[in-house]
Amino acid sequence: IVDFSKFNEQSTALDVGCGTGRWSIYLSSKFSNVYAMDPSKAIYAAANLTKDISGIHLIKASAENIPFEDNTFDLVISLGVLHHIPDTQKALSSVAKKVKKGGQCLIYLYYALDNRSIFYKMIFYASSFFRYFISKSPSFIKKGICDVIAVLVYMPFIFLSKFVKALFGRKWGNKIPLSYYSNKSFNVIRNDSLDRFGTPLEQRFTKVQIEKMMREAGLSD
């Protein structure tokens, strides 16, 4: 999605809500300076994982209070973060302001399953019932439960998706819930299980709403 050919050695990137830093590490191969920002304790895990990468700079701050001037970065990303913030529009506008004119902004928000079947939505919203209780558990219990979910829920769907793809093709395999993870590492699956079931607030937006929000934040194209 991002056109990296538009950047050079002087270009800089900002990762808003970097978590443990997996996307910042990826960006460090494209930019000489990447600023990774997160308000949670995950920033300390990121510090440990990125300690040998000189081009990554860590900041403990939230999306609503980004400690940089507007129009600073050539690329700003915020992946799987802003839908966990009560005022997503305000946070998105704050993020977008940090992009230079002509720069790029990559945002990942949970979408409202606009194009999914009723069956898919039923399975999904049934899982939301469990998320409500899991997210309120103590941290160590929450992580343990989410790891179990990764093994007992995510993995069976992933194997089913691979099986359907092998028999009937990618089109049908992709209709299986969680098929997205069929080529992902188990570490990514664990992380996303925690992100899905461990966070108390989860907002979802339709395609129309997302486009409107991004335009109101000053983004275009």
Foldseek 3Di string as FASTA:
>chain_A
DDDLVVDDAPAEEEEAQCQLNPVVVVCVVSYQAYEYEEQDPSLVNNCVVCVVRVRYHYDNDHLLCDPDQFQAHQEYEYELPLQLDPCSLNSLLSRNRNHHVVGYYYYHAAAPCVPADPVVVVVVVVVVVQLQVLQPDPPVSSLVVLLVCLVPPLVVQLVVLVVCCVVPNNVVSVNGPNVVCNPPDSVVSSVVSCSSRRRNGGDHHHPVVVVVSNVVSVDDD
